[in-house]
PDB file of N, CA and C in Angstrom:
ATOM      1  N   UNK A   1       0.847  -1.167   0.000  1.00  0.00           N
ATOM      2  CA  UNK A   1       0.000   0.000   0.000  1.00  0.00           C
ATOM      3  C   UNK A   1       0.897   1.235   0.000  1.00  0.00           C
ATOM      4  N   UNK A   2       0.604   2.140  -0.900  1.00  0.00           N
ATOM      5  CA  UNK A   2       1.403   3.352  -1.006  1.00  0.00           C
ATOM      6  C   UNK A   2       0.687   4.460  -0.242  1.00  0.00           C
ATOM      7  N   UNK A   3       1.354   5.025   0.752  1.00  0.00           N
ATOM      8  CA  UNK A   3       0.762   6.072   1.572  1.00  0.00           C
ATOM      9  C   UNK A   3       1.027   7.454   0.963  1.00  0.00           C
ATOM     10  N   UNK A   4       0.065   8.385   1.116  1.00  0.00           N
ATOM     11  CA  UNK A   4       0.304   9.744   0.624  1.00  0.00           C
ATOM     12  C   UNK A   4       1.397  10.420   1.443  1.00  0.00           C
ATOM     13  N   UNK A   5       2.016  11.422   0.863  1.00  0.00           N
ATOM     14  CA  UNK A   5       3.077  12.167   1.552  1.00  0.00           C
ATOM     15  C   UNK A   5       2.668  13.619   1.694  1.00  0.00           C
ATOM     16  N   UNK A   6       3.030  14.191   2.843  1.00  0.00           N
ATOM     17  CA  UNK A   6       2.820  15.621   3.090  1.00  0.00           C
ATOM     18  C   UNK A   6       4.130  16.190   3.626  1.00  0.00           C
ATOM     19  N   UNK A   7       4.250  17.482   3.581  1.00  0.00           N
ATOM     20  CA  UNK A   7       5.440  18.144   4.086  1.00  0.00           C
ATOM     21  C   UNK A   7       5.336  18.268   5.605  1.00  0.00           C
ATOM     22  N   UNK A   8       6.384  17.857   6.308  1.00  0.00           N
ATOM     23  CA  UNK A   8       6.412  17.972   7.767  1.00  0.00           C
ATOM     24  C   UNK A   8       6.383  19.451   8.143  1.00  0.00           C
ATOM     25  N   UNK A   9       5.523  19.846   9.105  1.00  0.00           N
ATOM     26  CA  UNK A   9       5.449  21.251   9.491  1.00  0.00           C
ATOM     27  C   UNK A   9       6.745  21.799  10.093  1.00  0.00           C
ATOM     28  N   UNK A  10       7.587  20.931  10.660  1.00  0.00           N
ATOM     29  CA  UNK A  10       8.812  21.417  11.304  1.00  0.00           C
ATOM     30  C   UNK A  10      10.025  21.372  10.374  1.00  0.00           C
ATOM     31  N   UNK A  11      10.314  20.195   9.829  1.00  0.00           N
ATOM     32  CA  UNK A  11      11.544  20.040   9.050  1.00  0.00           C
ATOM     33  C   UNK A  11      11.334  20.149   7.542  1.00  0.00           C
ATOM     34  N   UNK A  12      10.101  20.286   7.084  1.00  0.00           N
ATOM     35  CA  UNK A  12       9.762  20.477   5.678  1.00  0.00           C
ATOM     36  C   UNK A  12      10.107  19.284   4.794  1.00  0.00           C
ATOM     37  N   UNK A  13      10.292  18.104   5.371  1.00  0.00           N
ATOM     38  CA  UNK A  13      10.593  16.916   4.578  1.00  0.00           C
ATOM     39  C   UNK A  13       9.313  16.234   4.154  1.00  0.00           C
ATOM     40  N   UNK A  14       9.243  15.670   2.932  1.00  0.00           N
ATOM     41  CA  UNK A  14       8.056  14.902   2.545  1.00  0.00           C
ATOM     42  C   UNK A  14       8.011  13.619   3.368  1.00  0.00           C
ATOM     43  N   UNK A  15       6.905  13.421   4.066  1.00  0.00           N
ATOM     44  CA  UNK A  15       6.778  12.310   5.005  1.00  0.00           C
ATOM     45  C   UNK A  15       5.476  11.569   4.747  1.00  0.00           C
ATOM     46  N   UNK A  16       5.498  10.257   4.852  1.00  0.00           N
ATOM     47  CA  UNK A  16       4.298   9.440   4.663  1.00  0.00           C
ATOM     48  C   UNK A  16       3.297   9.726   5.780  1.00  0.00           C
ATOM     49  N   UNK A  17       2.006   9.670   5.420  1.00  0.00           N
ATOM     50  CA  UNK A  17       0.933   9.899   6.385  1.00  0.00           C
ATOM     51  C   UNK A  17       0.027   8.677   6.394  1.00  0.00           C
ATOM     52  N   UNK A  18      -0.145   8.068   7.570  1.00  0.00           N
ATOM     53  CA  UNK A  18      -1.033   6.920   7.722  1.00  0.00           C
ATOM     54  C   UNK A  18      -2.408   7.412   8.154  1.00  0.00           C
ATOM     55  N   UNK A  19      -3.498   6.827   7.606  1.00  0.00           N
ATOM     56  CA  UNK A  19      -4.838   7.249   8.025  1.00  0.00           C
ATOM     57  C   UNK A  19      -5.031   7.078   9.526  1.00  0.00           C
ATOM     58  N   UNK A  20      -5.732   8.011  10.122  1.00  0.00           N
ATOM     59  CA  UNK A  20      -6.002   7.979  11.557  1.00  0.00           C
ATOM     60  C   UNK A  20      -7.341   7.283  11.770  1.00  0.00           C
ATOM     61  N   UNK A  21      -7.393   6.382  12.699  1.00  0.00           N
ATOM     62  CA  UNK A  21      -8.612   5.643  12.985  1.00  0.00           C
ATOM     63  C   UNK A  21      -9.746   6.588  13.371  1.00  0.00           C
ATOM     64  N   UNK A  22     -10.880   6.428  12.711  1.00  0.00           N
ATOM     65  CA  UNK A  22     -12.056   7.221  13.044  1.00  0.00           C
ATOM     66  C   UNK A  22     -12.120   8.567  12.362  1.00  0.00           C
ATOM     67  N   UNK A  23     -11.176   8.880  11.466  1.00  0.00           N
ATOM     68  CA  UNK A  23     -11.178  10.174  10.792  1.00  0.00           C
ATOM     69  C   UNK A  23     -10.868   9.989   9.309  1.00  0.00           C
ATOM     70  N   UNK A  24     -11.683  10.607   8.440  1.00  0.00           N
ATOM     71  CA  UNK A  24     -11.433  10.542   7.005  1.00  0.00           C
ATOM     72  C   UNK A  24     -10.543  11.682   6.519  1.00  0.00           C
ATOM     73  N   UNK A  25     -10.367  12.694   7.336  1.00  0.00           N
ATOM     74  CA  UNK A  25      -9.647  13.887   6.892  1.00  0.00           C
ATOM     75  C   UNK A  25      -8.279  14.056   7.535  1.00  0.00           C
ATOM     76  N   UNK A  26      -7.946  13.258   8.552  1.00  0.00           N
ATOM     77  CA  UNK A  26      -6.671  13.424   9.249  1.00  0.00           C
ATOM     78  C   UNK A  26      -5.890  12.119   9.296  1.00  0.00           C
ATOM     79  N   UNK A  27      -4.566  12.262   9.441  1.00  0.00           N
ATOM     80  CA  UNK A  27      -3.691  11.112   9.554  1.00  0.00           C
ATOM     81  C   UNK A  27      -2.516  11.445  10.456  1.00  0.00           C
ATOM     82  N   UNK A  28      -1.664  10.445  10.687  1.00  0.00           N
ATOM     83  CA  UNK A  28      -0.478  10.633  11.524  1.00  0.00           C
ATOM     84  C   UNK A  28       0.775  10.543  10.661  1.00  0.00           C
ATOM     85  N   UNK A  29       1.690  11.495  10.892  1.00  0.00           N
ATOM     86  CA  UNK A  29       2.976  11.447  10.211  1.00  0.00           C
ATOM     87  C   UNK A  29       3.753  10.223  10.678  1.00  0.00           C
ATOM     88  N   UNK A  30       4.416   9.563   9.774  1.00  0.00           N
ATOM     89  CA  UNK A  30       5.269   8.457  10.156  1.00  0.00           C
ATOM     90  C   UNK A  30       6.522   9.015  10.828  1.00  0.00           C
ATOM     91  N   UNK A  31       7.135   8.197  11.652  1.00  0.00           N
ATOM     92  CA  UNK A  31       8.349   8.612  12.346  1.00  0.00           C
ATOM     93  C   UNK A  31       9.445   8.863  11.310  1.00  0.00           C
ATOM     94  N   UNK A  32      10.107   9.984  11.429  1.00  0.00           N
ATOM     95  CA  UNK A  32      11.190  10.354  10.516  1.00  0.00           C
ATOM     96  C   UNK A  32      12.233  11.166  11.268  1.00  0.00           C
ATOM     97  N   UNK A  33      13.440  11.195  10.714  1.00  0.00           N
ATOM     98  CA  UNK A  33      14.516  11.941  11.373  1.00  0.00           C
ATOM     99  C   UNK A  33      14.576  13.365  10.829  1.00  0.00           C
ATOM    100  N   UNK A  34      14.963  14.285  11.684  1.00  0.00           N
ATOM    101  CA  UNK A  34      15.091  15.691  11.321  1.00  0.00           C
ATOM    102  C   UNK A  34      16.428  15.879  10.596  1.00  0.00           C
ATOM    103  N   UNK A  35      16.379  16.483   9.416  1.00  0.00           N
ATOM    104  CA  UNK A  35      17.605  16.649   8.626  1.00  0.00           C
ATOM    105  C   UNK A  35      18.635  17.532   9.326  1.00  0.00           C
ATOM    106  N   UNK A  36      18.192  18.484  10.137  1.00  0.00           N
ATOM    107  CA  UNK A  36      19.139  19.379  10.802  1.00  0.00           C
ATOM    108  C   UNK A  36      19.736  18.772  12.073  1.00  0.00           C
ATOM    109  N   UNK A  37      19.108  17.789  12.674  1.00  0.00           N
ATOM    110  CA  UNK A  37      19.616  17.151  13.906  1.00  0.00           C
ATOM    111  C   UNK A  37      19.691  15.650  13.676  1.00  0.00           C
ATOM    112  N   UNK A  38      20.662  15.215  12.896  1.00  0.00           N
ATOM    113  CA  UNK A  38      20.740  13.821  12.500  1.00  0.00           C
ATOM    114  C   UNK A  38      21.082  12.862  13.644  1.00  0.00           C
ATOM    115  N   UNK A  39      21.922  13.287  14.589  1.00  0.00           N
ATOM    116  CA  UNK A  39      22.349  12.372  15.658  1.00  0.00           C
ATOM    117  C   UNK A  39      22.493  13.131  16.978  1.00  0.00           C
ATOM    118  N   UNK A  40      22.259  12.403  18.058  1.00  0.00           N
ATOM    119  CA  UNK A  40      22.470  12.999  19.381  1.00  0.00           C
ATOM    120  C   UNK A  40      23.940  12.807  19.775  1.00  0.00           C
ATOM    121  N   UNK A  41      24.368  13.307  20.938  1.00  0.00           N
ATOM    122  CA  UNK A  41      25.793  13.196  21.331  1.00  0.00           C
ATOM    123  C   UNK A  41      26.325  11.762  21.359  1.00  0.00           C
ATOM    124  N   UNK A  42      25.463  10.775  21.627  1.00  0.00           N
ATOM    125  CA  UNK A  42      25.926   9.382  21.654  1.00  0.00           C
ATOM    126  C   UNK A  42      25.986   8.773  20.255  1.00  0.00           C
ATOM    127  N   UNK A  43      25.514   9.504  19.232  1.00  0.00           N
ATOM    128  CA  UNK A  43      25.583   9.000  17.858  1.00  0.00           C
ATOM    129  C   UNK A  43      24.305   8.355  17.348  1.00  0.00           C
ATOM    130  N   UNK A  44      23.231   8.363  18.137  1.00  0.00           N
ATOM    131  CA  UNK A  44      21.967   7.758  17.706  1.00  0.00           C
ATOM    132  C   UNK A  44      21.159   8.754  16.871  1.00  0.00           C
ATOM    133  N   UNK A  45      20.382   8.237  15.914  1.00  0.00           N
ATOM    134  CA  UNK A  45      19.505   9.098  15.129  1.00  0.00           C
ATOM    135  C   UNK A  45      18.439   9.712  16.012  1.00  0.00           C
ATOM    136  N   UNK A  46      18.040  10.947  15.709  1.00  0.00           N
ATOM    137  CA  UNK A  46      17.033  11.663  16.482  1.00  0.00           C
ATOM    138  C   UNK A  46      15.803  11.848  15.618  1.00  0.00           C
ATOM    139  N   UNK A  47      14.645  11.420  16.125  1.00  0.00           N
ATOM    140  CA  UNK A  47      13.402  11.603  15.378  1.00  0.00           C
ATOM    141  C   UNK A  47      12.977  13.060  15.428  1.00  0.00           C
ATOM    142  N   UNK A  48      12.320  13.514  14.365  1.00  0.00           N
ATOM    143  CA  UNK A  48      11.775  14.867  14.328  1.00  0.00           C
ATOM    144  C   UNK A  48      10.699  14.982  15.407  1.00  0.00           C
ATOM    145  N   UNK A  49      10.591  16.129  16.044  1.00  0.00           N
ATOM    146  CA  UNK A  49       9.596  16.301  17.105  1.00  0.00           C
ATOM    147  C   UNK A  49       8.165  16.256  16.582  1.00  0.00           C
ATOM    148  N   UNK A  50       7.970  16.404  15.274  1.00  0.00           N
ATOM    149  CA  UNK A  50       6.631  16.311  14.688  1.00  0.00           C
ATOM    150  C   UNK A  50       6.259  14.894  14.268  1.00  0.00           C
ATOM    151  N   UNK A  51       7.169  13.923  14.461  1.00  0.00           N
ATOM    152  CA  UNK A  51       6.843  12.534  14.152  1.00  0.00           C
ATOM    153  C   UNK A  51       5.624  12.100  14.952  1.00  0.00           C
ATOM    154  N   UNK A  52       4.748  11.370  14.314  1.00  0.00           N
ATOM    155  CA  UNK A  52       3.514  10.836  14.894  1.00  0.00           C
ATOM    156  C   UNK A  52       2.482  11.914  15.229  1.00  0.00           C
ATOM    157  N   UNK A  53       2.703  13.149  14.780  1.00  0.00           N
ATOM    158  CA  UNK A  53       1.701  14.191  15.028  1.00  0.00           C
ATOM    159  C   UNK A  53       0.552  14.054  14.028  1.00  0.00           C
ATOM    160  N   UNK A  54      -0.581  14.632  14.343  1.00  0.00           N
ATOM    161  CA  UNK A  54      -1.765  14.571  13.497  1.00  0.00           C
ATOM    162  C   UNK A  54      -1.745  15.723  12.494  1.00  0.00           C
ATOM    163  N   UNK A  55      -1.963  15.376  11.210  1.00  0.00           N
ATOM    164  CA  UNK A  55      -1.997  16.377  10.137  1.00  0.00           C
ATOM    165  C   UNK A  55      -3.200  16.089   9.241  1.00  0.00           C
ATOM    166  N   UNK A  56      -3.557  17.065   8.404  1.00  0.00           N
ATOM    167  CA  UNK A  56      -4.635  16.873   7.440  1.00  0.00           C
ATOM    168  C   UNK A  56      -4.127  16.043   6.267  1.00  0.00           C
ATOM    169  N   UNK A  57      -4.965  15.117   5.795  1.00  0.00           N
ATOM    170  CA  UNK A  57      -4.603  14.316   4.635  1.00  0.00           C
ATOM    171  C   UNK A  57      -4.711  15.159   3.368  1.00  0.00           C
ATOM    172  N   UNK A  58      -3.848  14.914   2.384  1.00  0.00           N
ATOM    173  CA  UNK A  58      -3.890  15.721   1.168  1.00  0.00           C
ATOM    174  C   UNK A  58      -5.150  15.511   0.339  1.00  0.00           C
ATOM    175  N   UNK A  59      -5.697  14.310   0.309  1.00  0.00           N
ATOM    176  CA  UNK A  59      -6.907  14.003  -0.453  1.00  0.00           C
ATOM    177  C   UNK A  59      -7.894  13.331   0.486  1.00  0.00           C
ATOM    178  N   UNK A  60      -8.471  14.091   1.343  1.00  0.00           N
ATOM    179  CA  UNK A  60      -9.319  13.546   2.402  1.00  0.00           C
ATOM    180  C   UNK A  60     -10.594  12.927   1.862  1.00  0.00           C
ATOM    181  N   UNK A  61     -10.853  11.699   2.284  1.00  0.00           N
ATOM    182  CA  UNK A  61     -12.114  11.034   1.998  1.00  0.00           C
ATOM    183  C   UNK A  61     -12.389  10.752   0.538  1.00  0.00           C
ATOM    184  N   UNK A  62     -11.364  10.705  -0.296  1.00  0.00           N
ATOM    185  CA  UNK A  62     -11.587  10.440  -1.718  1.00  0.00           C
ATOM    186  C   UNK A  62     -11.884   8.971  -1.928  1.00  0.00           C
ATOM    187  N   UNK A  63     -12.935   8.684  -2.657  1.00  0.00           N
ATOM    188  CA  UNK A  63     -13.326   7.310  -2.939  1.00  0.00           C
ATOM    189  C   UNK A  63     -12.467   6.758  -4.077  1.00  0.00           C
ATOM    190  N   UNK A  64     -11.991   5.547  -3.934  1.00  0.00           N
ATOM    191  CA  UNK A  64     -11.223   4.929  -5.005  1.00  0.00           C
ATOM    192  C   UNK A  64     -12.151   4.613  -6.172  1.00  0.00           C
ATOM    193  N   UNK A  65     -11.664   4.803  -7.392  1.00  0.00           N
ATOM    194  CA  UNK A  65     -12.441   4.540  -8.594  1.00  0.00           C
ATOM    195  C   UNK A  65     -11.740   3.443  -9.384  1.00  0.00           C
ATOM    196  N   UNK A  66     -12.489   2.407  -9.728  1.00  0.00           N
ATOM    197  CA  UNK A  66     -11.947   1.312 -10.514  1.00  0.00           C
ATOM    198  C   UNK A  66     -12.523   1.388 -11.915  1.00  0.00           C
ATOM    199  N   UNK A  67     -11.682   1.276 -12.915  1.00  0.00           N
ATOM    200  CA  UNK A  67     -12.119   1.293 -14.300  1.00  0.00           C
ATOM    201  C   UNK A  67     -12.246  -0.151 -14.760  1.00  0.00           C
ATOM    202  N   UNK A  68     -13.450  -0.703 -14.627  1.00  0.00           N
ATOM    203  CA  UNK A  68     -13.695  -2.094 -14.994  1.00  0.00           C
ATOM    204  C   UNK A  68     -14.420  -2.144 -16.326  1.00  0.00           C
ATOM    205  N   UNK A  69     -14.027  -3.070 -17.165  1.00  0.00           N
ATOM    206  CA  UNK A  69     -14.664  -3.233 -18.468  1.00  0.00           C
ATOM    207  C   UNK A  69     -15.754  -4.306 -18.341  1.00  0.00           C
ATOM    208  N   UNK A  70     -16.905  -3.903 -17.815  1.00  0.00           N
ATOM    209  CA  UNK A  70     -18.020  -4.818 -17.602  1.00  0.00           C
ATOM    210  C   UNK A  70     -19.097  -4.505 -18.636  1.00  0.00           C
ATOM    211  N   UNK A  71     -19.510  -5.501 -19.419  1.00  0.00           N
ATOM    212  CA  UNK A  71     -20.556  -5.234 -20.412  1.00  0.00           C
ATOM    213  C   UNK A  71     -21.900  -4.964 -19.742  1.00  0.00           C
ATOM    214  N   UNK A  72     -22.734  -4.196 -20.427  1.00  0.00           N
ATOM    215  CA  UNK A  72     -24.065  -3.876 -19.922  1.00  0.00           C
ATOM    216  C   UNK A  72     -24.947  -5.122 -20.049  1.00  0.00           C
ATOM    217  N   UNK A  73     -25.589  -5.583 -18.966  1.00  0.00           N
ATOM    218  CA  UNK A  73     -26.413  -6.794 -19.046  1.00  0.00           C
ATOM    219  C   UNK A  73     -27.591  -6.639 -20.017  1.00  0.00           C
ATOM    220  N   UNK A  74     -28.085  -5.427 -20.214  1.00  0.00           N
ATOM    221  CA  UNK A  74     -29.228  -5.220 -21.118  1.00  0.00           C
ATOM    222  C   UNK A  74     -28.844  -5.477 -22.567  1.00  0.00           C
ATOM    223  N   UNK A  75     -27.574  -5.260 -22.916  1.00  0.00           N
ATOM    224  CA  UNK A  75     -27.142  -5.458 -24.301  1.00  0.00           C
ATOM    225  C   UNK A  75     -26.367  -6.760 -24.499  1.00  0.00           C
ATOM    226  N   UNK A  76     -26.249  -7.568 -23.463  1.00  0.00           N
ATOM    227  CA  UNK A  76     -25.510  -8.833 -23.563  1.00  0.00           C
ATOM    228  C   UNK A  76     -26.304  -9.820 -24.415  1.00  0.00           C
ATOM    229  N   UNK A  77     -25.624 -10.607 -25.229  1.00  0.00           N
ATOM    230  CA  UNK A  77     -26.340 -11.596 -26.058  1.00  0.00           C
ATOM    231  C   UNK A  77     -26.908 -12.720 -25.199  1.00  0.00           C
ATOM    232  N   UNK A  78     -27.982 -13.330 -25.700  1.00  0.00           N
ATOM    233  CA  UNK A  78     -28.594 -14.471 -24.997  1.00  0.00           C
ATOM    234  C   UNK A  78     -27.664 -15.668 -25.104  1.00  0.00           C
ATOM    235  N   UNK A  79     -27.537 -16.448 -24.030  1.00  0.00           N
ATOM    236  CA  UNK A  79     -26.681 -17.642 -24.109  1.00  0.00           C
ATOM    237  C   UNK A  79     -27.300 -18.679 -25.050  1.00  0.00           C
ATOM    238  N   UNK A  80     -26.426 -19.407 -25.720  1.00  0.00           N
ATOM    239  CA  UNK A  80     -26.905 -20.461 -26.626  1.00  0.00           C
ATOM    240  C   UNK A  80     -27.382 -21.644 -25.800  1.00  0.00           C
ATOM    241  N   UNK A  81     -28.464 -22.275 -26.227  1.00  0.00           N
ATOM    242  CA  UNK A  81     -28.950 -23.435 -25.466  1.00  0.00           C
ATOM    243  C   UNK A  81     -27.952 -24.585 -25.536  1.00  0.00           C
ATOM    244  N   UNK A  82     -27.778 -25.271 -24.416  1.00  0.00           N
ATOM    245  CA  UNK A  82     -26.853 -26.389 -24.335  1.00  0.00           C
ATOM    246  C   UNK A  82     -27.591 -27.701 -24.548  1.00  0.00           C
ATOM    247  N   UNK A  83     -26.939 -28.793 -24.231  1.00  0.00           N
ATOM    248  CA  UNK A  83     -27.597 -30.104 -24.327  1.00  0.00           C
ATOM    249  C   UNK A  83     -28.830 -30.152 -23.425  1.00  0.00           C
ATOM    250  N   UNK A  84     -29.730 -31.050 -23.700  1.00  0.00           N
ATOM    251  CA  UNK A  84     -31.002 -31.131 -22.986  1.00  0.00           C
ATOM    252  C   UNK A  84     -30.855 -31.488 -21.509  1.00  0.00           C
ATOM    253  N   UNK A  85     -29.770 -32.138 -21.131  1.00  0.00           N
ATOM    254  CA  UNK A  85     -29.626 -32.546 -19.737  1.00  0.00           C
ATOM    255  C   UNK A  85     -28.921 -31.491 -18.878  1.00  0.00           C
ATOM    256  N   UNK A  86     -28.646 -30.311 -19.414  1.00  0.00           N
ATOM    257  CA  UNK A  86     -28.025 -29.234 -18.622  1.00  0.00           C
ATOM    258  C   UNK A  86     -28.990 -28.066 -18.510  1.00  0.00           C
ATOM    259  N   UNK A  87     -28.871 -27.349 -17.421  1.00  0.00           N
ATOM    260  CA  UNK A  87     -29.731 -26.196 -17.179  1.00  0.00           C
ATOM    261  C   UNK A  87     -28.879 -24.968 -16.868  1.00  0.00           C
ATOM    262  N   UNK A  88     -29.330 -23.815 -17.309  1.00  0.00           N
ATOM    263  CA  UNK A  88     -28.621 -22.592 -16.991  1.00  0.00           C
ATOM    264  C   UNK A  88     -28.895 -22.234 -15.533  1.00  0.00           C
ATOM    265  N   UNK A  89     -27.894 -21.835 -14.797  1.00  0.00           N
ATOM    266  CA  UNK A  89     -28.064 -21.487 -13.396  1.00  0.00           C
ATOM    267  C   UNK A  89     -28.586 -20.081 -13.228  1.00  0.00           C
ATOM    268  N   UNK A  90     -28.261 -19.192 -14.128  1.00  0.00           N
ATOM    269  CA  UNK A  90     -28.657 -17.792 -13.983  1.00  0.00           C
ATOM    270  C   UNK A  90     -29.305 -17.300 -15.245  1.00  0.00           C
TER     271      UNK A  90
END
């Protein structure tokens, strides 16, 4: 699943946003490191302070659209009759 990306309000990095439970318009930023503070004094990576914060989704509540090539039942041809011992189910 490909998550949408938004710009982090603090570090301005494009960050993935996961949908927030119970909300169609908001999500949570994924944990990411701040480009300006890459490591702490011990050498460990430091997460941006805006990681896991709630932000607005870029395309809130958009319904997915599938382009299916389904023929119209009204214009579908009638099935050809089969042998006498078989019956059409539908």
